[in-house]
N, C-alpha and C. Protein backbone atom coordinates (compact mmCIF):
# COMPACT_ATOMS: atom_id res chain seq x y z
N MET A 1 0.82 -1.19 0.00
CA MET A 1 0.00 0.00 0.00
C MET A 1 0.87 1.26 0.00
N CYS A 2 1.92 1.25 0.80
CA CYS A 2 2.81 2.41 0.92
C CYS A 2 3.53 2.66 -0.41
N GLY A 3 3.87 1.57 -1.09
CA GLY A 3 4.54 1.69 -2.38
C GLY A 3 3.67 2.38 -3.41
N ARG A 4 2.37 2.14 -3.37
CA ARG A 4 1.45 2.77 -4.31
C ARG A 4 1.37 4.28 -4.06
N LYS A 5 1.36 4.66 -2.79
CA LYS A 5 1.32 6.09 -2.45
C LYS A 5 2.57 6.80 -2.97
N VAL A 6 3.70 6.15 -2.82
CA VAL A 6 4.96 6.73 -3.30
C VAL A 6 4.93 6.85 -4.82
N LEU A 7 4.47 5.81 -5.50
CA LEU A 7 4.39 5.86 -6.96
C LEU A 7 3.42 6.94 -7.42
N PHE A 8 2.29 7.03 -6.74
CA PHE A 8 1.30 8.07 -7.08
C PHE A 8 1.89 9.46 -6.89
N SER A 9 2.58 9.67 -5.77
CA SER A 9 3.22 10.97 -5.50
C SER A 9 4.26 11.30 -6.55
N LEU A 10 5.05 10.30 -6.95
CA LEU A 10 6.07 10.51 -7.98
C LEU A 10 5.42 10.85 -9.32
N ALA A 11 4.32 10.17 -9.63
CA ALA A 11 3.63 10.44 -10.89
C ALA A 11 3.10 11.87 -10.92
N ILE A 12 2.54 12.32 -9.82
CA ILE A 12 2.02 13.70 -9.75
C ILE A 12 3.17 14.69 -9.86
N ALA A 13 4.26 14.43 -9.16
CA ALA A 13 5.42 15.31 -9.22
C ALA A 13 5.97 15.41 -10.65
N CYS A 14 6.04 14.27 -11.34
CA CYS A 14 6.52 14.26 -12.73
C CYS A 14 5.57 15.04 -13.64
N PHE A 15 4.28 14.85 -13.44
CA PHE A 15 3.28 15.58 -14.24
C PHE A 15 3.41 17.09 -14.05
N LEU A 16 3.49 17.53 -12.78
CA LEU A 16 3.62 18.97 -12.50
C LEU A 16 4.94 19.50 -13.07
N GLY A 17 6.00 18.71 -12.95
CA GLY A 17 7.29 19.14 -13.51
C GLY A 17 7.21 19.32 -15.02
N ALA A 18 6.51 18.38 -15.70
CA ALA A 18 6.36 18.48 -17.15
C ALA A 18 5.56 19.71 -17.54
N VAL A 19 4.52 20.00 -16.78
CA VAL A 19 3.71 21.19 -17.06
C VAL A 19 4.55 22.45 -16.90
N LEU A 20 5.31 22.54 -15.82
CA LEU A 20 6.15 23.73 -15.59
C LEU A 20 7.21 23.87 -16.68
N ILE A 21 7.82 22.78 -17.08
CA ILE A 21 8.83 22.83 -18.15
C ILE A 21 8.18 23.29 -19.45
N GLY A 22 6.98 22.77 -19.74
CA GLY A 22 6.26 23.18 -20.95
C GLY A 22 5.96 24.67 -20.95
N LEU A 23 5.54 25.19 -19.80
CA LEU A 23 5.27 26.63 -19.71
C LEU A 23 6.54 27.44 -19.91
N SER A 24 7.63 26.98 -19.31
CA SER A 24 8.91 27.69 -19.46
C SER A 24 9.36 27.71 -20.91
N LEU A 25 9.24 26.57 -21.57
CA LEU A 25 9.65 26.50 -22.97
C LEU A 25 8.79 27.36 -23.87
N SER A 26 7.48 27.42 -23.60
CA SER A 26 6.61 28.23 -24.44
C SER A 26 6.95 29.71 -24.31
N GLN A 27 7.35 30.15 -23.12
CA GLN A 27 7.75 31.54 -22.94
C GLN A 27 9.12 31.79 -23.54
N ALA A 28 10.00 30.79 -23.48
CA ALA A 28 11.34 30.95 -24.03
C ALA A 28 11.30 31.06 -25.54
N GLN A 29 10.30 30.45 -26.20
CA GLN A 29 10.20 30.49 -27.64
C GLN A 29 9.51 31.75 -28.15
N GLN A 30 9.20 32.64 -27.26
CA GLN A 30 8.54 33.88 -27.62
C GLN A 30 9.46 34.70 -28.54
N ALA A 31 8.88 35.31 -29.52
CA ALA A 31 9.66 36.10 -30.48
C ALA A 31 10.35 37.26 -29.77
N PRO A 32 11.57 37.62 -30.20
CA PRO A 32 12.27 38.74 -29.59
C PRO A 32 11.45 40.02 -29.68
N GLY A 33 11.41 40.76 -28.60
CA GLY A 33 10.69 42.03 -28.58
C GLY A 33 9.21 41.87 -28.33
N GLU A 34 8.71 40.64 -28.30
CA GLU A 34 7.28 40.41 -28.08
C GLU A 34 7.03 40.39 -26.59
N ARG A 35 6.06 41.17 -26.14
CA ARG A 35 5.77 41.24 -24.71
C ARG A 35 4.84 40.11 -24.31
N VAL A 36 4.97 39.70 -23.06
CA VAL A 36 4.06 38.70 -22.52
C VAL A 36 2.70 39.36 -22.36
N ARG A 37 1.66 38.64 -22.68
CA ARG A 37 0.32 39.20 -22.60
C ARG A 37 -0.04 39.51 -21.15
N ALA A 38 -0.82 40.56 -20.97
CA ALA A 38 -1.20 41.04 -19.65
C ALA A 38 -1.97 39.99 -18.87
N ARG A 39 -1.56 39.77 -17.64
CA ARG A 39 -2.25 38.89 -16.69
C ARG A 39 -2.64 37.54 -17.27
N GLY A 40 -1.84 37.04 -18.20
CA GLY A 40 -2.11 35.72 -18.75
C GLY A 40 -3.34 35.65 -19.64
N GLU A 41 -3.88 36.80 -20.02
CA GLU A 41 -5.06 36.81 -20.86
C GLU A 41 -4.66 36.43 -22.28
N PRO A 42 -5.24 35.35 -22.82
CA PRO A 42 -4.83 34.88 -24.13
C PRO A 42 -5.18 35.85 -25.26
N ASN A 43 -6.19 36.67 -25.07
CA ASN A 43 -6.59 37.59 -26.14
C ASN A 43 -6.18 39.03 -25.88
N ALA A 44 -5.29 39.25 -24.92
CA ALA A 44 -4.85 40.61 -24.63
C ALA A 44 -4.06 41.14 -25.83
N PRO A 45 -4.36 42.35 -26.27
CA PRO A 45 -3.67 42.89 -27.45
C PRO A 45 -2.22 43.25 -27.16
N ARG A 46 -1.42 43.21 -28.19
CA ARG A 46 -0.02 43.61 -28.07
C ARG A 46 0.18 44.99 -28.68
N ASP A 47 -0.73 45.40 -29.48
CA ASP A 47 -0.67 46.67 -30.18
C ASP A 47 -1.19 47.77 -29.26
N PRO A 48 -0.40 48.83 -29.02
CA PRO A 48 -0.83 49.89 -28.10
C PRO A 48 -2.17 50.52 -28.48
N GLU A 49 -2.44 50.64 -29.77
CA GLU A 49 -3.72 51.22 -30.20
C GLU A 49 -4.88 50.32 -29.79
N GLN A 50 -4.68 49.01 -29.95
CA GLN A 50 -5.71 48.05 -29.52
C GLN A 50 -5.87 48.10 -28.00
N MET A 51 -4.76 48.23 -27.29
CA MET A 51 -4.83 48.31 -25.83
C MET A 51 -5.64 49.52 -25.40
N GLN A 52 -5.40 50.64 -26.05
CA GLN A 52 -6.14 51.86 -25.74
C GLN A 52 -7.62 51.67 -25.98
N ARG A 53 -7.96 51.08 -27.11
CA ARG A 53 -9.37 50.83 -27.45
C ARG A 53 -10.02 49.88 -26.44
N MET A 54 -9.27 48.82 -26.08
CA MET A 54 -9.79 47.85 -25.13
C MET A 54 -9.99 48.48 -23.75
N MET A 55 -9.06 49.33 -23.33
CA MET A 55 -9.20 50.00 -22.04
C MET A 55 -10.41 50.92 -22.04
N THR A 56 -10.63 51.63 -23.14
CA THR A 56 -11.79 52.51 -23.25
C THR A 56 -13.08 51.70 -23.18
N GLU A 57 -13.11 50.58 -23.89
CA GLU A 57 -14.31 49.73 -23.87
C GLU A 57 -14.59 49.22 -22.47
N ARG A 58 -13.55 48.79 -21.77
CA ARG A 58 -13.73 48.31 -20.39
C ARG A 58 -14.21 49.44 -19.48
N GLN A 59 -13.64 50.61 -19.67
CA GLN A 59 -14.02 51.76 -18.86
C GLN A 59 -15.49 52.11 -19.09
N ILE A 60 -15.92 52.09 -20.33
CA ILE A 60 -17.32 52.38 -20.66
C ILE A 60 -18.22 51.30 -20.07
N ALA A 61 -17.80 50.05 -20.15
CA ALA A 61 -18.60 48.95 -19.58
C ALA A 61 -18.76 49.12 -18.07
N ARG A 62 -17.67 49.52 -17.38
CA ARG A 62 -17.74 49.74 -15.94
C ARG A 62 -18.66 50.91 -15.60
N ILE A 63 -18.61 51.95 -16.42
CA ILE A 63 -19.47 53.10 -16.19
C ILE A 63 -20.93 52.69 -16.37
N LYS A 64 -21.19 51.92 -17.40
CA LYS A 64 -22.56 51.45 -17.64
C LYS A 64 -23.05 50.61 -16.46
N GLU A 65 -22.17 49.74 -15.98
CA GLU A 65 -22.53 48.89 -14.84
C GLU A 65 -22.78 49.74 -13.59
N THR A 66 -21.97 50.77 -13.40
CA THR A 66 -22.12 51.63 -12.23
C THR A 66 -23.43 52.44 -12.30
N LEU A 67 -23.72 52.99 -13.47
CA LEU A 67 -24.91 53.85 -13.61
C LEU A 67 -26.21 53.05 -13.68
N GLN A 68 -26.14 51.85 -14.21
CA GLN A 68 -27.32 50.99 -14.40
C GLN A 68 -28.46 51.73 -15.12
N PRO A 69 -28.16 52.30 -16.28
CA PRO A 69 -29.21 53.00 -17.01
C PRO A 69 -30.11 52.02 -17.76
N SER A 70 -31.29 52.48 -18.12
CA SER A 70 -32.15 51.67 -18.97
C SER A 70 -31.52 51.67 -20.37
N ALA A 71 -32.01 50.82 -21.23
CA ALA A 71 -31.48 50.74 -22.60
C ALA A 71 -31.64 52.07 -23.32
N GLU A 72 -32.78 52.72 -23.11
CA GLU A 72 -33.03 54.01 -23.76
C GLU A 72 -32.08 55.08 -23.22
N GLU A 73 -31.88 55.07 -21.88
CA GLU A 73 -30.96 56.05 -21.28
C GLU A 73 -29.54 55.85 -21.81
N TRP A 74 -29.11 54.59 -21.89
CA TRP A 74 -27.75 54.30 -22.32
C TRP A 74 -27.52 54.71 -23.77
N LYS A 75 -28.54 54.60 -24.57
CA LYS A 75 -28.44 55.01 -25.97
C LYS A 75 -28.06 56.49 -26.07
N VAL A 76 -28.59 57.29 -25.14
CA VAL A 76 -28.30 58.72 -25.10
C VAL A 76 -26.98 58.98 -24.38
N LEU A 77 -26.72 58.23 -23.30
CA LEU A 77 -25.54 58.48 -22.47
C LEU A 77 -24.23 57.99 -23.09
N GLU A 78 -24.24 56.87 -23.76
CA GLU A 78 -22.98 56.27 -24.23
C GLU A 78 -22.14 57.20 -25.10
N PRO A 79 -22.71 57.86 -26.12
CA PRO A 79 -21.84 58.76 -26.91
C PRO A 79 -21.30 59.93 -26.08
N LYS A 80 -22.10 60.40 -25.12
CA LYS A 80 -21.65 61.50 -24.26
C LYS A 80 -20.52 61.04 -23.35
N VAL A 81 -20.65 59.83 -22.79
CA VAL A 81 -19.61 59.27 -21.93
C VAL A 81 -18.32 59.08 -22.74
N THR A 82 -18.45 58.54 -23.93
CA THR A 82 -17.28 58.31 -24.79
C THR A 82 -16.58 59.63 -25.10
N LYS A 83 -17.35 60.66 -25.40
CA LYS A 83 -16.77 61.97 -25.71
C LYS A 83 -16.02 62.54 -24.51
N VAL A 84 -16.61 62.41 -23.32
CA VAL A 84 -15.96 62.94 -22.11
C VAL A 84 -14.67 62.16 -21.83
N ILE A 85 -14.69 60.85 -22.01
CA ILE A 85 -13.47 60.05 -21.79
C ILE A 85 -12.37 60.49 -22.76
N THR A 86 -12.72 60.65 -24.02
CA THR A 86 -11.74 61.06 -25.03
C THR A 86 -11.15 62.43 -24.71
N LEU A 87 -12.02 63.38 -24.38
CA LEU A 87 -11.53 64.73 -24.06
C LEU A 87 -10.73 64.74 -22.76
N SER A 88 -11.11 63.89 -21.80
CA SER A 88 -10.35 63.81 -20.55
C SER A 88 -8.93 63.35 -20.81
N ARG A 89 -8.78 62.39 -21.70
CA ARG A 89 -7.44 61.91 -22.03
C ARG A 89 -6.62 63.00 -22.70
N GLN A 90 -7.26 63.79 -23.55
CA GLN A 90 -6.54 64.87 -24.24
C GLN A 90 -6.06 65.93 -23.27
N THR A 91 -6.80 66.15 -22.21
CA THR A 91 -6.43 67.20 -21.26
C THR A 91 -5.56 66.69 -20.13
N GLY A 92 -5.21 65.41 -20.19
CA GLY A 92 -4.33 64.86 -19.17
C GLY A 92 -5.07 64.17 -18.05
N GLY A 93 -6.38 64.11 -18.09
CA GLY A 93 -7.15 63.43 -17.06
C GLY A 93 -7.33 61.97 -17.41
N MET A 94 -7.78 61.19 -16.46
CA MET A 94 -8.11 59.78 -16.63
C MET A 94 -7.02 59.00 -17.35
N GLY A 95 -5.81 59.11 -16.90
CA GLY A 95 -4.73 58.34 -17.50
C GLY A 95 -3.86 59.15 -18.43
N GLY A 96 -4.35 60.25 -18.91
CA GLY A 96 -3.55 61.14 -19.74
C GLY A 96 -3.18 60.57 -21.08
N MET A 97 -2.65 61.41 -21.93
CA MET A 97 -2.27 61.00 -23.28
C MET A 97 -0.91 60.30 -23.29
N GLY A 98 -0.06 60.60 -22.33
CA GLY A 98 1.29 60.08 -22.38
C GLY A 98 1.45 58.70 -21.79
N MET A 99 0.36 58.05 -21.48
CA MET A 99 0.43 56.77 -20.80
C MET A 99 1.22 55.73 -21.58
N PHE A 100 1.12 55.71 -22.89
CA PHE A 100 1.82 54.72 -23.70
C PHE A 100 2.89 55.37 -24.57
N SER A 101 3.24 56.58 -24.30
CA SER A 101 4.18 57.26 -25.19
C SER A 101 5.60 56.74 -24.98
N ARG A 102 6.45 57.11 -25.90
CA ARG A 102 7.84 56.69 -25.82
C ARG A 102 8.53 57.32 -24.63
N ARG A 103 9.58 56.64 -24.20
CA ARG A 103 10.42 57.23 -23.17
C ARG A 103 11.32 58.26 -23.84
N PRO A 104 11.92 59.16 -23.07
CA PRO A 104 12.82 60.16 -23.66
C PRO A 104 13.91 59.49 -24.49
N GLY A 105 14.25 60.12 -25.58
CA GLY A 105 15.28 59.60 -26.46
C GLY A 105 14.74 58.66 -27.51
N GLY A 106 13.42 58.51 -27.55
CA GLY A 106 12.81 57.68 -28.58
C GLY A 106 12.86 56.20 -28.29
N GLN A 107 13.20 55.81 -27.05
CA GLN A 107 13.30 54.40 -26.72
C GLN A 107 11.92 53.85 -26.38
N GLY A 108 11.70 52.60 -26.72
CA GLY A 108 10.46 51.94 -26.34
C GLY A 108 9.36 52.17 -27.35
N PRO A 109 8.21 51.52 -27.12
CA PRO A 109 7.11 51.63 -28.07
C PRO A 109 6.47 53.00 -28.04
N GLN A 110 5.94 53.38 -29.15
CA GLN A 110 5.24 54.66 -29.22
C GLN A 110 3.77 54.39 -29.47
N MET A 111 2.93 55.03 -28.67
CA MET A 111 1.49 54.91 -28.84
C MET A 111 1.09 55.82 -29.98
N PRO A 112 0.42 55.28 -30.97
CA PRO A 112 -0.06 56.15 -32.03
C PRO A 112 -1.02 57.18 -31.44
N ARG A 113 -0.75 58.43 -31.64
CA ARG A 113 -1.58 59.49 -31.09
C ARG A 113 -2.87 59.59 -31.87
N ASP A 114 -3.91 59.98 -31.18
CA ASP A 114 -5.15 60.24 -31.90
C ASP A 114 -4.92 61.46 -32.76
N GLN A 115 -5.72 61.63 -33.77
CA GLN A 115 -5.48 62.72 -34.69
C GLN A 115 -6.23 63.99 -34.32
N THR A 116 -6.35 64.23 -33.03
CA THR A 116 -6.90 65.49 -32.55
C THR A 116 -5.76 66.50 -32.57
N GLN A 117 -6.10 67.74 -32.33
CA GLN A 117 -5.06 68.76 -32.29
C GLN A 117 -4.09 68.51 -31.14
N VAL A 118 -4.60 68.01 -30.01
CA VAL A 118 -3.72 67.70 -28.88
C VAL A 118 -2.76 66.57 -29.28
N GLY A 119 -3.27 65.54 -29.92
CA GLY A 119 -2.42 64.43 -30.35
C GLY A 119 -1.34 64.87 -31.32
N LYS A 120 -1.73 65.71 -32.27
CA LYS A 120 -0.76 66.22 -33.24
C LYS A 120 0.29 67.09 -32.55
N SER A 121 -0.16 67.92 -31.61
CA SER A 121 0.78 68.78 -30.89
C SER A 121 1.75 67.97 -30.04
N LEU A 122 1.26 66.91 -29.43
CA LEU A 122 2.14 66.03 -28.65
C LEU A 122 3.19 65.38 -29.54
N GLU A 123 2.78 64.93 -30.70
CA GLU A 123 3.71 64.31 -31.66
C GLU A 123 4.78 65.30 -32.10
N GLU A 124 4.35 66.52 -32.42
CA GLU A 124 5.31 67.54 -32.87
C GLU A 124 6.28 67.91 -31.77
N LEU A 125 5.80 68.00 -30.54
CA LEU A 125 6.69 68.31 -29.42
C LEU A 125 7.70 67.18 -29.23
N GLN A 126 7.24 65.94 -29.33
CA GLN A 126 8.15 64.80 -29.17
C GLN A 126 9.23 64.81 -30.25
N LYS A 127 8.84 65.13 -31.49
CA LYS A 127 9.82 65.18 -32.58
C LYS A 127 10.88 66.24 -32.31
N ILE A 128 10.44 67.40 -31.84
CA ILE A 128 11.40 68.47 -31.52
C ILE A 128 12.33 68.04 -30.39
N LEU A 129 11.77 67.39 -29.37
CA LEU A 129 12.61 66.96 -28.25
C LEU A 129 13.59 65.85 -28.66
N ASP A 130 13.20 65.03 -29.64
CA ASP A 130 14.10 63.99 -30.13
C ASP A 130 15.28 64.58 -30.90
N ASN A 131 15.10 65.78 -31.43
CA ASN A 131 16.16 66.46 -32.16
C ASN A 131 17.05 67.19 -31.16
N LYS A 132 18.23 66.66 -30.93
CA LYS A 132 19.16 67.23 -29.95
C LYS A 132 19.62 68.64 -30.32
N GLU A 133 19.47 69.01 -31.59
CA GLU A 133 19.91 70.33 -32.04
C GLU A 133 18.76 71.33 -32.16
N ALA A 134 17.61 70.98 -31.63
CA ALA A 134 16.46 71.89 -31.71
C ALA A 134 16.75 73.14 -30.90
N LYS A 135 16.33 74.25 -31.45
CA LYS A 135 16.55 75.54 -30.78
C LYS A 135 15.50 75.74 -29.70
N PRO A 136 15.85 76.45 -28.64
CA PRO A 136 14.90 76.71 -27.55
C PRO A 136 13.61 77.37 -28.03
N GLU A 137 13.71 78.25 -29.05
CA GLU A 137 12.51 78.91 -29.57
C GLU A 137 11.56 77.90 -30.21
N GLU A 138 12.14 76.90 -30.90
CA GLU A 138 11.32 75.86 -31.54
C GLU A 138 10.59 75.03 -30.48
N ILE A 139 11.32 74.66 -29.44
CA ILE A 139 10.71 73.88 -28.35
C ILE A 139 9.60 74.68 -27.69
N LYS A 140 9.90 75.96 -27.43
CA LYS A 140 8.90 76.81 -26.77
C LYS A 140 7.65 76.96 -27.64
N ALA A 141 7.82 77.09 -28.94
CA ALA A 141 6.67 77.24 -29.85
C ALA A 141 5.81 75.98 -29.84
N LYS A 142 6.44 74.81 -29.87
CA LYS A 142 5.69 73.55 -29.84
C LYS A 142 5.01 73.35 -28.49
N LEU A 143 5.67 73.76 -27.44
CA LEU A 143 5.09 73.66 -26.10
C LEU A 143 3.88 74.58 -25.96
N THR A 144 3.98 75.77 -26.51
CA THR A 144 2.85 76.72 -26.50
C THR A 144 1.69 76.17 -27.31
N ALA A 145 1.99 75.58 -28.47
CA ALA A 145 0.93 74.99 -29.30
C ALA A 145 0.22 73.86 -28.56
N LEU A 146 0.99 73.04 -27.85
CA LEU A 146 0.39 71.96 -27.07
C LEU A 146 -0.50 72.52 -25.96
N ARG A 147 0.00 73.51 -25.26
CA ARG A 147 -0.80 74.11 -24.18
C ARG A 147 -2.08 74.75 -24.71
N ASP A 148 -1.99 75.41 -25.86
CA ASP A 148 -3.18 76.01 -26.47
C ASP A 148 -4.19 74.93 -26.86
N ALA A 149 -3.69 73.84 -27.44
CA ALA A 149 -4.58 72.74 -27.85
C ALA A 149 -5.24 72.12 -26.63
N ARG A 150 -4.48 71.96 -25.54
CA ARG A 150 -5.05 71.40 -24.31
C ARG A 150 -6.08 72.34 -23.70
N ASP A 151 -5.80 73.65 -23.74
CA ASP A 151 -6.77 74.62 -23.20
C ASP A 151 -8.08 74.53 -23.98
N LYS A 152 -7.97 74.43 -25.29
CA LYS A 152 -9.17 74.30 -26.12
C LYS A 152 -9.91 73.01 -25.77
N ALA A 153 -9.17 71.92 -25.61
CA ALA A 153 -9.78 70.64 -25.26
C ALA A 153 -10.44 70.70 -23.88
N LYS A 154 -9.85 71.47 -22.96
CA LYS A 154 -10.44 71.63 -21.62
C LYS A 154 -11.79 72.34 -21.71
N LYS A 155 -11.86 73.33 -22.58
CA LYS A 155 -13.14 74.02 -22.78
C LYS A 155 -14.18 73.08 -23.38
N GLU A 156 -13.74 72.29 -24.37
CA GLU A 156 -14.64 71.31 -24.97
C GLU A 156 -15.07 70.25 -23.94
N LEU A 157 -14.14 69.88 -23.06
CA LEU A 157 -14.44 68.90 -22.02
C LEU A 157 -15.50 69.45 -21.06
N ALA A 158 -15.34 70.70 -20.66
CA ALA A 158 -16.33 71.30 -19.74
C ALA A 158 -17.72 71.30 -20.39
N LYS A 159 -17.77 71.62 -21.66
CA LYS A 159 -19.05 71.62 -22.38
C LYS A 159 -19.61 70.20 -22.47
N ALA A 160 -18.76 69.23 -22.80
CA ALA A 160 -19.20 67.83 -22.91
C ALA A 160 -19.67 67.30 -21.56
N GLN A 161 -18.98 67.69 -20.47
CA GLN A 161 -19.40 67.26 -19.14
C GLN A 161 -20.77 67.85 -18.79
N GLN A 162 -20.99 69.10 -19.16
CA GLN A 162 -22.28 69.73 -18.91
C GLN A 162 -23.39 69.01 -19.68
N GLU A 163 -23.12 68.66 -20.92
CA GLU A 163 -24.09 67.92 -21.73
C GLU A 163 -24.37 66.54 -21.13
N LEU A 164 -23.34 65.90 -20.59
CA LEU A 164 -23.50 64.58 -19.97
C LEU A 164 -24.38 64.67 -18.72
N ARG A 165 -24.21 65.74 -17.96
CA ARG A 165 -25.01 65.92 -16.74
C ARG A 165 -26.50 66.02 -17.02
N GLN A 166 -26.83 66.58 -18.17
CA GLN A 166 -28.25 66.81 -18.49
C GLN A 166 -28.99 65.48 -18.58
N GLY A 167 -30.10 65.41 -17.90
CA GLY A 167 -30.94 64.22 -17.96
C GLY A 167 -30.51 63.09 -17.04
N MET A 168 -29.46 63.32 -16.24
CA MET A 168 -29.00 62.28 -15.31
C MET A 168 -29.68 62.47 -13.96
N SER A 169 -29.81 61.37 -13.26
CA SER A 169 -30.31 61.47 -11.88
C SER A 169 -29.16 61.98 -11.02
N PRO A 170 -29.47 62.57 -9.86
CA PRO A 170 -28.39 63.00 -8.96
C PRO A 170 -27.47 61.84 -8.56
N ARG A 171 -28.03 60.65 -8.41
CA ARG A 171 -27.23 59.48 -8.05
C ARG A 171 -26.22 59.15 -9.16
N GLN A 172 -26.69 59.16 -10.40
CA GLN A 172 -25.80 58.87 -11.54
C GLN A 172 -24.70 59.93 -11.64
N GLU A 173 -25.08 61.19 -11.49
CA GLU A 173 -24.09 62.26 -11.55
C GLU A 173 -23.05 62.10 -10.45
N ALA A 174 -23.51 61.79 -9.24
CA ALA A 174 -22.58 61.61 -8.12
C ALA A 174 -21.63 60.44 -8.39
N GLN A 175 -22.13 59.37 -8.98
CA GLN A 175 -21.28 58.23 -9.30
C GLN A 175 -20.20 58.61 -10.30
N LEU A 176 -20.56 59.41 -11.28
CA LEU A 176 -19.57 59.85 -12.27
C LEU A 176 -18.55 60.81 -11.67
N VAL A 177 -18.97 61.58 -10.68
CA VAL A 177 -18.03 62.45 -9.97
C VAL A 177 -17.04 61.58 -9.19
N LEU A 178 -17.54 60.54 -8.53
CA LEU A 178 -16.67 59.65 -7.75
C LEU A 178 -15.63 58.94 -8.61
N ILE A 179 -15.99 58.58 -9.83
CA ILE A 179 -15.01 57.87 -10.67
C ILE A 179 -14.16 58.82 -11.49
N GLY A 180 -14.42 60.12 -11.37
CA GLY A 180 -13.56 61.11 -12.01
C GLY A 180 -13.97 61.53 -13.41
N LEU A 181 -15.13 61.11 -13.85
CA LEU A 181 -15.56 61.49 -15.20
C LEU A 181 -16.18 62.88 -15.20
N LEU A 182 -16.79 63.25 -14.10
CA LEU A 182 -17.35 64.60 -13.93
C LEU A 182 -16.67 65.27 -12.75
N GLU A 183 -16.72 66.59 -12.75
CA GLU A 183 -16.16 67.35 -11.62
C GLU A 183 -17.28 67.82 -10.74
């Protein structure tokens, strides 16, 4: 009887060892430069643009779950929520635009910027900063353009937030304030 327990234990140990070796080998065969998928999720995107889209979708789903609107209410609220999220990112709120941007010196992956004025201004500023011979006046001009674009986006955000507030219950508005979508 004791011999069977030992054999069974050895069989389990061998099985677990084989599984661990298989996992190690599968990660070792990963293509150079390819990142491991987030939290072991098999369908997690590797493309920063896809990641951004997926994060936005999850954020919208959480907001919908938090607000618990009727189907008719959500039909009206969803585009407004999406607009506020987009403008919040442009103004540096809710994760900001630089979350996936390159590190200084052009190292690492670059998040494709949205084609808003803020996105374009961020790209132009990064290009100037990557140029070691850029003149201070050029940097200052690009920085001013970025600040102007962000100021404009902040005004658009305030308007979009006001539009989102319309038709909401006080409870829904308070929930959006708590999660940072409204002020």
